[in-house]
Amino acid sequence: MKIKIILLSITCSLFAFYGCTDYLNKEVLGYSTLDNYYQTPYQLQEALNGTYNILQSDLFMNTEWIFGEACSDDVIGNDESTTDQISQLVNFNFTPSNTWILNRYTVNYQGISRANQVIANVNKVKLASTDYGQYSTVRYILGQAKFLRALFYFNLVKTYGGVPIRPEVEKLDSLVIPRSTKEEVYAYIEKDLREAIIMLPPQFTGTDLGHAGSGAAIGLLMKVLMYEAKPGEVSTKWSDIVDLGKYFIDGNSMKMGQVLKYDSTTENWESLRERLWFKPKALLASTDPLETPNTQLSSIANLYGINYSSYYNTPIAYWQIFNQTGEFYRGSIFEVVFKESADGTTGDQNQGTAIFQDLWQNRLWTSPTMLTDLLNDPRINQVIAKHGTSTPDGERVNTVENRWNVLKWYCPIAQRPQNTTDYGENRRVIRYADVVLIYAEALNEMNQGAQALTQLNKSKIAANAITGTATIYIGGGYGYMRNQIWQERRMELCFEWDRFFDLVRQGRAASVLHAFASASATNNQRGKNFIEGVNEIFPIPQNEIDISNGVVTQNPGY
């Protein structure tokens, strides 16, 4: 039930070859070219698989935990006091030439390049029949490419601010693109996700598990909107989240035109349908649906749940939702699929980075401040394990004295890969619990505190079931409710590689990291170098500035 990802190398990555002047004039050595390749849905699917493949790469995975987790206050690391590139980054003592600043920039643009190849070449597909299912197949591929492109751009904009929006068709005269504003990048992401929502089925199942459905697109859109809005400020983004939450979580209806924010003065509806690969109206059979702005989206409210149930709807423990037992569990909306090689060999990109051997065993541990918060939380023994104790499946935790390892990165004995460079466990990227808490925060921002409390306590009540605890959150004013929501976000979503960016979008990265540094017992007092108004975003890689001859400008303060 896992995707078999096929790495498809159709063109070289433009972003690694800005300085190359003759790469478009290379002799064609094989039969397939850009002009004749994308002619069947199968070929287009192979290109989409290559886009998913970026999510599985070690480089992508490593940049996710380095920026989202290691830079935060939830962990301490073994290389904080060294002089390597990661240490410089997490101590906010880096330059724009830092290797990982370039790596994150590059790998996400590689993903964008592959998604663009799918999107730019979709109209080359030749369908053998006028069957509605043929159009659906192509539409689903196109919708997933838009979702993935949005995900890559979201990574970039929350890391660097405004970035260049690459053209879908690359040409020599468009290799160097100036930066778009942050607002323009977010608008581009929103458009991709809104279109993906109406193009995709609610959820993929069976052999297609791991593909992004409309539930994934809505979940990501809600998160994107939350990052665009600012806590305590009036914004239509908060109300947009509430509308989407009412559809996704409460089960209210939502129309295609509503999610698209369709404006007939900017695009004819039939042109939009054909552009998004709905079957053209002229070819519709009497049994085929005709989508209109008033067509209601399929309900997805019953597809996901807050409680801990497996894909087969059997109860599982909280710690298991992050290993193979919990793959595609009821609360998982989108996850990156990893598949261990059958013979234990190395080199397969879809086997995953060695998270268990690296993060779990010797690199990152629970910070003292995070431990203090977890001590009163029912999830503690399902989330972290102290040196000298045992994991839930009975393995002794052998780490550093007085350190607490993170069970969300643990690989149970029975599920351990044959090769130590494999991981073999899917990474949860969008979880239903996150969407519920995003909805709660938006409701609170819209002065609907009672409704926000209901959503907030869904997560807390599920956690309470672990130990039979009865304590829940209580109502209060706007600020009190917001603090409770943020606290629950930290408890429920800890160690999932998002904490640093969550602090930034909340507007309190500087205060939290400075307090973290003051409480730190280490000599380097990680967090003390964070400069408010500068380090909320990272610099554009110096390499990109140099290659563009200054067309791509640097962020202030760097």
Protein backbone atom coordinates (compact mmCIF):
# COMPACT_ATOMS: atom_id res chain seq x y z
CA MET A 1 0.00 0.00 0.00
CA LYS A 2 2.97 2.32 -0.51
CA ILE A 3 3.90 4.39 -3.50
CA LYS A 4 6.75 2.97 -5.53
CA ILE A 5 8.59 6.15 -6.39
CA ILE A 6 10.47 6.14 -9.67
CA LEU A 7 13.12 8.81 -9.98
CA LEU A 8 12.60 10.30 -13.38
CA SER A 9 15.40 12.44 -14.78
CA ILE A 10 13.88 14.31 -17.68
CA THR A 11 15.87 17.53 -17.54
CA CYS A 12 18.70 18.84 -15.45
CA SER A 13 17.77 21.03 -12.51
CA LEU A 14 18.01 24.59 -13.72
CA PHE A 15 18.72 25.86 -10.26
CA ALA A 16 22.01 24.01 -10.06
CA PHE A 17 23.16 25.34 -13.44
CA TYR A 18 22.40 29.03 -13.62
CA GLY A 19 25.87 29.64 -14.95
CA CYS A 20 25.56 27.08 -17.77
CA THR A 21 25.07 28.66 -21.20
CA ASP A 22 24.79 25.61 -23.43
CA TYR A 23 22.82 22.99 -21.51
CA LEU A 24 19.79 23.43 -23.76
CA ASN A 25 21.91 22.48 -26.78
CA LYS A 26 22.94 19.02 -25.57
CA GLU A 27 22.70 16.18 -28.08
CA VAL A 28 19.70 13.94 -27.47
CA LEU A 29 21.06 10.48 -26.74
CA GLY A 30 17.77 8.67 -26.11
CA TYR A 31 14.38 8.53 -27.69
CA SER A 32 12.48 10.53 -25.08
CA THR A 33 12.66 14.31 -25.26
CA LEU A 34 10.62 17.07 -23.69
CA ASP A 35 8.70 17.31 -26.95
CA ASN A 36 7.64 13.67 -27.17
CA TYR A 37 7.71 12.33 -23.63
CA TYR A 38 4.55 13.55 -21.87
CA GLN A 39 2.00 11.87 -24.13
CA THR A 40 0.29 9.42 -21.80
CA PRO A 41 -1.09 9.62 -18.26
CA TYR A 42 1.46 6.96 -17.28
CA GLN A 43 4.37 9.14 -18.39
CA LEU A 44 2.88 12.12 -16.57
CA GLN A 45 2.51 9.96 -13.45
CA GLU A 46 6.19 9.03 -13.63
CA ALA A 47 7.08 12.73 -13.62
CA LEU A 48 4.79 13.27 -10.62
CA ASN A 49 6.50 10.36 -8.85
CA GLY A 50 9.78 12.15 -9.39
CA THR A 51 8.31 15.19 -7.63
CA TYR A 52 7.23 13.13 -4.63
CA ASN A 53 10.75 11.69 -4.63
CA ILE A 54 12.17 15.03 -3.45
CA LEU A 55 10.18 14.67 -0.20
CA GLN A 56 11.91 11.33 0.37
CA SER A 57 15.44 12.58 -0.20
CA ASP A 58 17.87 12.74 2.71
CA LEU A 59 18.63 16.36 1.84
CA PHE A 60 15.00 17.43 2.10
CA MET A 61 14.44 15.51 5.34
CA ASN A 62 17.57 16.89 6.96
CA THR A 63 16.72 20.49 6.17
CA GLU A 64 13.27 19.94 7.68
CA TRP A 65 14.51 18.93 11.13
CA ILE A 66 17.50 21.28 11.14
CA PHE A 67 15.44 24.43 10.50
CA GLY A 68 12.11 23.49 12.05
CA GLU A 69 13.32 21.58 15.11
CA ALA A 70 16.99 22.09 15.90
CA CYS A 71 16.63 25.89 15.79
CA SER A 72 13.82 25.80 18.35
CA ASP A 73 13.56 25.63 22.13
CA ASP A 74 12.15 22.09 22.23
CA VAL A 75 15.51 20.35 21.83
CA ILE A 76 19.17 20.45 22.66
CA GLY A 77 21.74 18.89 20.36
CA ASN A 78 25.10 17.21 20.38
CA ASP A 79 26.68 19.67 17.93
CA GLU A 80 25.52 22.93 19.50
CA SER A 81 28.94 23.66 20.98
CA THR A 82 30.92 22.64 17.89
CA THR A 83 31.94 24.84 14.99
CA ASP A 84 30.20 22.92 12.21
CA GLN A 85 27.59 24.35 9.84
CA ILE A 86 24.60 23.04 11.82
CA SER A 87 25.99 24.51 15.04
CA GLN A 88 26.38 27.91 13.40
CA LEU A 89 22.81 27.75 12.19
CA VAL A 90 21.13 26.71 15.45
CA ASN A 91 23.17 29.26 17.41
CA PHE A 92 22.15 32.04 14.96
CA ASN A 93 25.80 32.75 14.34
CA PHE A 94 25.88 32.01 10.62
CA THR A 95 26.63 33.80 7.36
CA PRO A 96 24.67 33.68 4.08
CA SER A 97 27.27 31.16 2.90
CA ASN A 98 26.14 28.53 5.40
CA THR A 99 25.84 25.17 3.64
CA TRP A 100 22.42 24.34 5.08
CA ILE A 101 20.95 27.69 4.09
CA LEU A 102 21.88 26.82 0.51
CA ASN A 103 20.74 23.20 0.85
CA ARG A 104 17.22 24.10 1.97
CA TYR A 105 16.88 26.68 -0.78
CA THR A 106 18.17 24.29 -3.45
CA VAL A 107 16.20 21.17 -2.54
CA ASN A 108 12.87 23.00 -2.44
CA TYR A 109 13.55 24.59 -5.82
CA GLN A 110 14.39 21.13 -7.16
CA GLY A 111 10.93 20.08 -6.04
CA ILE A 112 9.39 23.14 -7.70
CA SER A 113 11.26 22.40 -10.93
CA ARG A 114 9.86 18.87 -11.05
CA ALA A 115 6.33 20.01 -10.23
CA ASN A 116 6.60 22.64 -12.95
CA GLN A 117 7.55 19.98 -15.48
CA VAL A 118 4.32 18.14 -14.73
CA ILE A 119 2.20 21.28 -14.84
CA ALA A 120 3.82 22.75 -17.95
CA ASN A 121 3.56 19.53 -19.96
CA VAL A 122 0.14 18.27 -18.94
CA ASN A 123 -1.47 19.51 -22.16
CA LYS A 124 0.81 17.22 -24.21
CA VAL A 125 -1.07 14.20 -22.90
CA LYS A 126 -3.12 12.50 -25.59
CA LEU A 127 -6.20 10.65 -24.38
CA ALA A 128 -7.34 7.58 -26.28
CA SER A 129 -11.00 8.09 -25.41
CA THR A 130 -13.48 10.66 -24.20
CA ASP A 131 -14.12 8.64 -21.04
CA TYR A 132 -14.62 10.84 -18.01
CA GLY A 133 -12.23 8.68 -15.99
CA GLN A 134 -9.37 9.51 -18.36
CA TYR A 135 -9.78 13.21 -17.61
CA SER A 136 -10.00 12.45 -13.89
CA THR A 137 -6.68 10.57 -14.02
CA VAL A 138 -4.87 13.52 -15.59
CA ARG A 139 -6.66 16.02 -13.34
CA TYR A 140 -5.60 14.11 -10.22
CA ILE A 141 -1.95 14.16 -11.36
CA LEU A 142 -2.13 17.88 -12.11
CA GLY A 143 -3.80 18.62 -8.77
CA GLN A 144 -1.11 16.74 -6.87
CA ALA A 145 1.63 18.64 -8.71
CA LYS A 146 -0.01 21.90 -7.66
CA PHE A 147 -0.20 20.70 -4.06
CA LEU A 148 3.47 19.72 -4.04
CA ARG A 149 4.56 22.97 -5.65
CA ALA A 150 2.62 24.87 -3.01
CA LEU A 151 4.31 22.83 -0.27
CA PHE A 152 7.79 23.60 -1.62
CA TYR A 153 7.04 27.32 -1.98
CA PHE A 154 5.58 27.37 1.54
CA ASN A 155 8.86 25.96 2.86
CA LEU A 156 10.74 28.70 1.03
CA VAL A 157 8.58 31.68 1.98
CA LYS A 158 8.47 30.84 5.68
CA THR A 159 12.26 30.34 5.66
CA TYR A 160 13.48 33.20 3.46
CA GLY A 161 10.54 35.56 3.00
CA GLY A 162 9.79 36.55 -0.59
CA VAL A 163 11.58 34.37 -3.14
CA PRO A 164 11.73 34.16 -6.95
CA ILE A 165 8.67 32.51 -8.51
CA ARG A 166 10.12 30.30 -11.20
CA PRO A 167 8.35 30.18 -14.60
CA GLU A 168 6.78 26.84 -15.43
CA VAL A 169 8.72 26.72 -18.70
CA GLU A 170 12.38 27.60 -18.19
CA LYS A 171 14.27 29.45 -20.89
CA LEU A 172 17.80 30.83 -21.09
CA ASP A 173 16.55 34.39 -20.87
CA SER A 174 14.57 33.64 -17.70
CA LEU A 175 17.12 31.79 -15.61
CA VAL A 176 17.65 34.75 -13.29
CA ILE A 177 14.39 35.85 -11.72
CA PRO A 178 14.14 38.65 -9.15
CA ARG A 179 12.44 37.96 -5.84
CA SER A 180 8.69 38.31 -5.55
CA THR A 181 7.30 39.82 -2.38
CA LYS A 182 6.23 37.59 0.47
CA GLU A 183 2.61 38.50 -0.26
CA GLU A 184 2.98 37.56 -3.94
CA VAL A 185 4.47 34.17 -3.06
CA TYR A 186 1.66 33.47 -0.61
CA ALA A 187 -0.93 34.43 -3.24
CA TYR A 188 0.73 32.00 -5.66
CA ILE A 189 0.61 29.23 -3.05
CA GLU A 190 -3.03 29.93 -2.26
CA LYS A 191 -4.02 29.75 -5.92
CA ASP A 192 -2.33 26.38 -6.35
CA LEU A 193 -3.99 24.94 -3.26
CA ARG A 194 -7.46 26.29 -3.99
CA GLU A 195 -7.32 24.78 -7.46
CA ALA A 196 -5.93 21.51 -6.11
CA ILE A 197 -8.85 21.25 -3.69
CA ILE A 198 -11.48 21.15 -6.44
CA MET A 199 -9.33 18.94 -8.71
CA LEU A 200 -8.55 16.14 -6.28
CA PRO A 201 -10.62 13.37 -4.72
CA PRO A 202 -11.09 13.72 -0.94
CA GLN A 203 -8.59 10.97 -0.17
CA PHE A 204 -6.54 8.33 -1.98
CA THR A 205 -6.75 4.74 -0.74
CA GLY A 206 -5.44 1.26 -1.50
CA THR A 207 -2.34 1.22 -3.70
CA ASP A 208 -2.53 5.03 -4.00
CA LEU A 209 -2.05 5.66 -0.30
CA GLY A 210 0.44 8.49 0.19
CA HIS A 211 -0.86 10.61 -2.67
CA ALA A 212 -2.23 13.99 -1.62
CA GLY A 213 -6.02 14.31 -1.83
CA SER A 214 -8.20 17.37 -1.33
CA GLY A 215 -8.01 16.84 2.45
CA ALA A 216 -4.25 17.41 2.29
CA ALA A 217 -4.72 20.52 0.12
CA ILE A 218 -7.30 21.97 2.54
CA GLY A 219 -5.14 21.19 5.57
CA LEU A 220 -2.12 22.86 4.00
CA LEU A 221 -4.21 25.84 2.85
CA MET A 222 -5.48 26.38 6.39
CA LYS A 223 -1.89 26.37 7.65
CA VAL A 224 -0.74 28.75 4.92
CA LEU A 225 -3.56 31.17 5.76
CA MET A 226 -2.57 31.00 9.44
CA TYR A 227 0.99 31.98 8.53
CA GLU A 228 -0.28 34.88 6.43
CA ALA A 229 -2.43 36.25 9.27
CA LYS A 230 -1.06 37.81 12.44
CA PRO A 231 -2.35 36.99 15.92
CA GLY A 232 -4.40 39.82 17.35
CA GLU A 233 -4.92 41.55 13.99
CA VAL A 234 -8.12 41.55 11.94
CA SER A 235 -7.63 39.64 8.71
CA THR A 236 -9.79 37.92 6.10
CA LYS A 237 -7.32 35.04 6.38
CA TRP A 238 -8.73 34.14 9.80
CA SER A 239 -12.28 34.13 8.45
CA ASP A 240 -11.15 32.00 5.47
CA ILE A 241 -9.72 29.45 7.91
CA VAL A 242 -13.02 29.39 9.83
CA ASP A 243 -14.96 28.74 6.60
CA LEU A 244 -12.62 25.90 5.66
CA GLY A 245 -12.73 24.51 9.20
CA LYS A 246 -16.52 24.46 9.16
CA TYR A 247 -16.34 22.38 5.98
CA PHE A 248 -13.44 20.12 6.91
CA ILE A 249 -14.19 19.56 10.60
CA ASP A 250 -17.83 20.47 11.22
CA GLY A 251 -19.14 18.96 8.00
CA ASN A 252 -20.76 22.08 6.53
CA SER A 253 -21.12 22.25 2.76
CA MET A 254 -18.71 24.20 0.55
CA LYS A 255 -19.05 25.05 -3.13
CA MET A 256 -16.35 24.99 -5.78
CA GLY A 257 -16.74 28.69 -6.50
CA GLN A 258 -16.43 29.44 -2.79
CA VAL A 259 -13.15 27.64 -2.26
CA LEU A 260 -11.74 29.10 -5.49
CA LYS A 261 -13.00 32.60 -4.70
CA TYR A 262 -14.14 32.45 -8.30
CA ASP A 263 -14.45 35.72 -10.19
CA SER A 264 -16.14 35.44 -13.59
CA THR A 265 -14.60 38.73 -14.70
CA THR A 266 -11.09 37.27 -14.63
CA GLU A 267 -11.70 33.82 -16.13
CA ASN A 268 -14.54 32.13 -17.95
CA TRP A 269 -15.77 29.12 -15.98
CA GLU A 270 -15.58 26.72 -18.91
CA SER A 271 -12.01 27.84 -19.65
CA LEU A 272 -11.15 27.18 -16.01
CA ARG A 273 -12.69 23.69 -16.19
CA GLU A 274 -10.66 22.82 -19.26
CA ARG A 275 -7.48 24.31 -17.78
CA LEU A 276 -7.91 22.14 -14.69
CA TRP A 277 -8.67 19.06 -16.81
CA PHE A 278 -12.31 18.57 -16.11
CA LYS A 279 -13.86 16.99 -19.17
CA PRO A 280 -14.82 19.79 -21.60
CA LYS A 281 -18.51 20.55 -21.67
CA ALA A 282 -18.76 19.75 -25.38
CA LEU A 283 -17.58 16.17 -24.74
CA LEU A 284 -19.73 15.39 -21.73
CA ALA A 285 -21.89 12.31 -21.91
CA SER A 286 -25.32 12.34 -20.31
CA THR A 287 -23.92 10.46 -17.30
CA ASP A 288 -20.91 12.76 -16.79
CA PRO A 289 -21.10 15.52 -14.16
CA LEU A 290 -20.98 19.15 -15.20
CA GLU A 291 -19.15 21.11 -12.52
CA THR A 292 -20.30 24.68 -11.87
CA PRO A 293 -19.34 27.31 -9.27
CA ASN A 294 -22.31 26.02 -7.25
CA THR A 295 -21.18 22.38 -7.30
CA GLN A 296 -20.66 21.20 -3.74
CA LEU A 297 -17.41 19.56 -2.74
CA SER A 298 -17.58 16.00 -1.45
CA SER A 299 -17.78 15.74 2.33
CA ILE A 300 -14.52 14.88 4.08
CA ALA A 301 -15.54 15.44 7.70
CA ASN A 302 -15.91 11.71 8.34
CA LEU A 303 -12.60 10.68 6.80
CA TYR A 304 -10.36 11.73 9.69
CA GLY A 305 -10.48 11.56 13.47
CA ILE A 306 -8.75 13.01 16.51
CA ASN A 307 -8.58 9.71 18.41
CA TYR A 308 -5.76 7.24 17.96
CA SER A 309 -7.04 4.62 15.53
CA SER A 310 -5.10 2.75 12.87
CA TYR A 311 -5.83 2.70 9.15
CA TYR A 312 -8.01 -0.32 9.87
CA ASN A 313 -9.82 1.64 12.61
CA THR A 314 -8.37 -0.36 15.51
CA PRO A 315 -7.15 1.46 18.65
CA ILE A 316 -3.41 2.15 18.85
CA ALA A 317 -1.21 3.88 21.41
CA TYR A 318 -0.18 7.50 20.91
CA TRP A 319 3.49 6.61 20.35
CA GLN A 320 2.48 4.14 17.65
CA ILE A 321 0.89 6.76 15.42
CA PHE A 322 4.42 7.80 14.44
CA ASN A 323 5.77 4.39 13.45
CA GLN A 324 4.70 1.73 10.95
CA THR A 325 1.72 0.69 13.09
CA GLY A 326 0.25 4.15 12.66
CA GLU A 327 0.97 4.74 9.00
CA PHE A 328 -2.13 6.33 7.43
CA TYR A 329 -3.86 6.23 10.80
CA ARG A 330 -7.17 8.09 11.12
CA GLY A 331 -5.47 11.32 12.10
CA SER A 332 -2.94 11.36 9.25
CA ILE A 333 -3.87 13.66 6.39
CA PHE A 334 -0.60 13.63 4.43
CA GLU A 335 2.60 11.71 5.01
CA VAL A 336 5.83 11.12 3.13
CA VAL A 337 6.12 7.45 2.22
CA PHE A 338 9.29 5.48 2.87
CA LYS A 339 9.78 1.88 1.85
CA GLU A 340 12.59 -0.28 3.19
CA SER A 341 14.48 -2.23 0.56
CA ALA A 342 13.55 -5.89 0.68
CA ASP A 343 17.15 -7.09 0.83
CA GLY A 344 18.61 -4.44 3.12
CA THR A 345 20.72 -2.84 0.40
CA THR A 346 21.56 0.86 0.42
CA GLY A 347 21.20 3.65 -2.09
CA ASP A 348 17.45 3.66 -2.67
CA GLN A 349 16.15 7.18 -2.21
CA ASN A 350 12.77 6.02 -0.96
CA GLN A 351 14.21 4.21 2.05
CA GLY A 352 14.47 7.37 4.10
CA THR A 353 17.24 9.04 6.04
CA ALA A 354 18.55 7.30 9.16
CA ILE A 355 16.31 9.19 11.60
CA PHE A 356 16.32 6.38 14.10
CA GLN A 357 20.08 5.93 14.11
CA ASP A 358 20.76 9.67 14.01
CA LEU A 359 18.11 11.81 15.71
CA TRP A 360 16.87 9.17 18.16
CA GLN A 361 20.20 7.76 19.28
CA ASN A 362 22.81 10.49 19.26
CA ARG A 363 21.90 13.92 17.95
CA LEU A 364 18.86 15.67 19.54
CA TRP A 365 17.28 15.38 22.98
CA THR A 366 14.40 16.98 24.83
CA SER A 367 15.32 20.42 26.19
CA PRO A 368 14.94 21.12 29.93
CA THR A 369 12.23 23.72 29.25
CA MET A 370 10.26 21.28 27.11
CA LEU A 371 10.65 18.58 29.75
CA THR A 372 9.19 20.93 32.37
CA ASP A 373 6.08 21.45 30.26
CA LEU A 374 5.71 17.75 29.47
CA LEU A 375 5.95 16.66 33.11
CA ASN A 376 2.29 17.57 33.66
CA ASP A 377 1.04 16.27 30.33
CA PRO A 378 -0.52 12.80 29.83
CA ARG A 379 1.50 12.33 26.61
CA ILE A 380 4.89 12.43 28.35
CA ASN A 381 5.64 8.69 28.46
CA GLN A 382 4.39 8.32 24.88
CA VAL A 383 6.57 11.16 23.59
CA ILE A 384 9.91 10.97 25.43
CA ALA A 385 11.95 8.32 27.26
CA LYS A 386 14.83 8.90 29.68
CA HIS A 387 18.23 7.28 29.50
CA GLY A 388 18.23 4.04 31.44
CA THR A 389 14.48 3.45 31.14
CA SER A 390 12.67 1.36 28.56
CA THR A 391 10.76 2.21 25.40
CA PRO A 392 7.10 1.11 25.20
CA ASP A 393 8.19 -2.05 23.35
CA GLY A 394 10.74 -2.92 26.01
CA GLU A 395 14.08 -1.74 24.63
CA ARG A 396 16.51 -0.07 27.04
CA VAL A 397 17.17 3.60 26.23
CA ASN A 398 20.93 3.99 25.96
CA THR A 399 21.78 7.61 25.36
CA VAL A 400 23.54 10.25 27.47
CA GLU A 401 23.07 10.42 31.23
CA ASN A 402 20.01 12.50 32.22
CA ARG A 403 18.97 12.94 28.60
CA TRP A 404 15.44 12.27 27.32
CA ASN A 405 15.08 10.79 23.84
CA VAL A 406 12.13 11.51 21.53
CA LEU A 407 9.83 8.55 20.90
CA LYS A 408 8.34 10.18 17.81
CA TRP A 409 11.67 9.33 16.13
CA TYR A 410 11.94 5.84 17.59
CA CYS A 411 11.76 2.73 15.43
CA PRO A 412 10.35 -0.30 17.33
CA ILE A 413 12.48 -3.43 17.43
CA ALA A 414 10.02 -5.46 15.36
CA GLN A 415 9.93 -2.80 12.63
CA ARG A 416 13.64 -2.02 12.42
CA PRO A 417 15.12 -1.93 8.89
CA GLN A 418 17.68 -4.51 7.84
CA ASN A 419 20.08 -1.76 6.86
CA THR A 420 21.03 0.94 9.35
CA THR A 421 20.88 3.67 6.71
CA ASP A 422 17.17 2.98 6.12
CA TYR A 423 14.34 4.37 8.17
CA GLY A 424 11.30 2.50 6.90
CA GLU A 425 8.70 4.68 8.63
CA ASN A 426 6.57 7.33 6.95
CA ARG A 427 6.88 10.92 8.09
CA ARG A 428 3.62 12.57 9.13
CA VAL A 429 3.50 16.01 7.48
CA ILE A 430 -0.12 17.12 8.01
CA ARG A 431 -2.10 15.71 10.90
CA TYR A 432 -5.76 16.20 11.72
CA ALA A 433 -4.83 17.39 15.23
CA ASP A 434 -2.90 20.29 13.68
CA VAL A 435 -5.87 21.24 11.50
CA VAL A 436 -8.22 21.17 14.51
CA LEU A 437 -5.88 23.48 16.46
CA ILE A 438 -5.55 25.82 13.48
CA TYR A 439 -9.34 25.98 13.38
CA ALA A 440 -9.45 26.66 17.13
CA GLU A 441 -6.98 29.52 16.80
CA ALA A 442 -8.88 31.10 13.93
CA LEU A 443 -12.16 30.87 15.85
CA ASN A 444 -10.55 32.62 18.79
CA GLU A 445 -9.21 35.34 16.49
CA MET A 446 -12.76 35.79 15.18
CA ASN A 447 -14.05 36.33 18.75
CA GLN A 448 -15.72 32.93 18.89
CA GLY A 449 -14.07 31.78 22.10
CA ALA A 450 -16.66 29.17 23.07
CA GLN A 451 -16.38 27.42 19.70
CA ALA A 452 -12.57 27.68 19.89
CA LEU A 453 -12.62 25.98 23.30
CA THR A 454 -14.64 23.09 21.89
CA GLN A 455 -12.07 22.47 19.16
CA LEU A 456 -9.14 22.92 21.54
CA ASN A 457 -10.45 20.35 23.98
CA LYS A 458 -10.84 17.74 21.23
CA SER A 459 -7.07 17.40 21.21
CA LYS A 460 -6.80 17.52 25.00
CA ILE A 461 -9.53 14.93 25.60
CA ALA A 462 -7.87 12.52 23.17
CA ALA A 463 -4.59 12.93 25.05
CA ASN A 464 -6.30 12.51 28.42
CA ALA A 465 -7.44 9.04 27.39
CA ILE A 466 -3.80 7.90 27.54
CA THR A 467 -3.76 8.07 31.34
CA GLY A 468 -7.42 8.58 32.20
CA THR A 469 -6.82 12.22 33.09
CA ALA A 470 -9.90 14.46 33.27
CA THR A 471 -8.31 17.94 33.19
CA ILE A 472 -9.39 20.03 30.22
CA TYR A 473 -8.89 23.62 29.11
CA ILE A 474 -11.29 26.25 30.42
CA GLY A 475 -12.79 29.31 28.78
CA GLY A 476 -11.44 32.82 29.16
CA GLY A 477 -10.66 36.00 27.29
CA TYR A 478 -8.94 36.25 23.93
CA GLY A 479 -5.37 36.25 25.29
CA TYR A 480 -6.00 33.47 27.76
CA MET A 481 -7.53 31.27 25.09
CA ARG A 482 -4.72 32.00 22.65
CA ASN A 483 -2.09 30.99 25.20
CA GLN A 484 -3.92 27.72 25.87
CA ILE A 485 -4.11 26.98 22.14
CA TRP A 486 -0.40 27.70 21.71
CA GLN A 487 0.42 25.51 24.70
CA GLU A 488 -1.60 22.64 23.26
CA ARG A 489 0.13 23.10 19.90
CA ARG A 490 3.45 22.68 21.66
CA MET A 491 2.34 19.56 23.52
CA GLU A 492 0.56 17.83 20.64
CA LEU A 493 2.89 18.79 17.79
CA CYS A 494 6.24 18.75 19.60
CA PHE A 495 9.23 17.23 17.79
CA GLU A 496 7.44 17.22 14.42
CA TRP A 497 9.90 19.70 12.93
CA ASP A 498 7.70 22.79 13.00
CA ARG A 499 8.29 24.51 16.35
CA PHE A 500 10.70 27.25 15.16
CA PHE A 501 8.38 28.40 12.37
CA ASP A 502 5.40 28.30 14.72
CA LEU A 503 7.20 30.64 17.12
CA VAL A 504 8.05 33.01 14.29
CA ARG A 505 4.53 33.27 12.92
CA GLN A 506 3.26 33.83 16.50
CA GLY A 507 5.61 36.81 16.74
CA ARG A 508 7.45 35.56 19.81
CA ALA A 509 10.56 33.78 18.52
CA ALA A 510 12.92 36.35 20.03
CA SER A 511 11.35 36.38 23.50
CA VAL A 512 11.08 32.59 23.71
CA LEU A 513 14.58 31.89 22.44
CA HIS A 514 16.15 34.58 24.65
CA ALA A 515 14.38 33.09 27.68
CA PHE A 516 15.56 29.67 26.56
CA ALA A 517 19.14 30.94 26.43
CA SER A 518 18.87 32.44 29.91
CA ALA A 519 17.65 29.13 31.30
CA SER A 520 20.29 27.12 29.47
CA ALA A 521 23.02 25.45 31.46
CA THR A 522 25.32 25.19 28.45
CA ASN A 523 28.14 27.63 27.84
CA ASN A 524 26.90 28.71 24.43
CA GLN A 525 23.39 29.55 25.73
CA ARG A 526 21.75 28.76 22.43
CA GLY A 527 19.21 31.40 21.44
CA LYS A 528 21.07 34.39 22.87
CA ASN A 529 22.28 35.48 19.43
CA PHE A 530 18.79 35.62 17.92
CA ILE A 531 18.22 39.18 16.62
CA GLU A 532 14.61 40.30 16.65
CA GLY A 533 13.52 41.71 13.32
CA VAL A 534 16.31 39.87 11.46
CA ASN A 535 16.52 36.18 12.33
CA GLU A 536 12.81 35.44 11.90
CA ILE A 537 13.82 34.66 8.34
CA PHE A 538 17.12 33.34 7.07
CA PRO A 539 19.33 34.98 4.44
CA ILE A 540 19.10 34.19 0.76
CA PRO A 541 22.10 31.92 0.02
CA GLN A 542 25.10 34.00 -0.95
CA ASN A 543 25.64 31.75 -3.94
CA GLU A 544 22.27 32.86 -5.36
CA ILE A 545 23.09 36.52 -4.83
CA ASP A 546 26.44 36.13 -6.59
CA ILE A 547 25.17 34.13 -9.56
CA SER A 548 22.34 36.59 -10.18
CA ASN A 549 24.77 39.53 -10.16
CA GLY A 550 22.62 41.25 -7.57
CA VAL A 551 19.27 40.72 -9.32
CA VAL A 552 18.28 38.53 -6.37
CA THR A 553 18.59 40.81 -3.34
CA GLN A 554 19.49 39.94 0.24
CA ASN A 555 17.27 40.12 3.32
CA PRO A 556 17.80 43.06 5.69
CA GLY A 557 20.37 42.50 8.40
CA TYR A 558 22.50 40.02 6.47
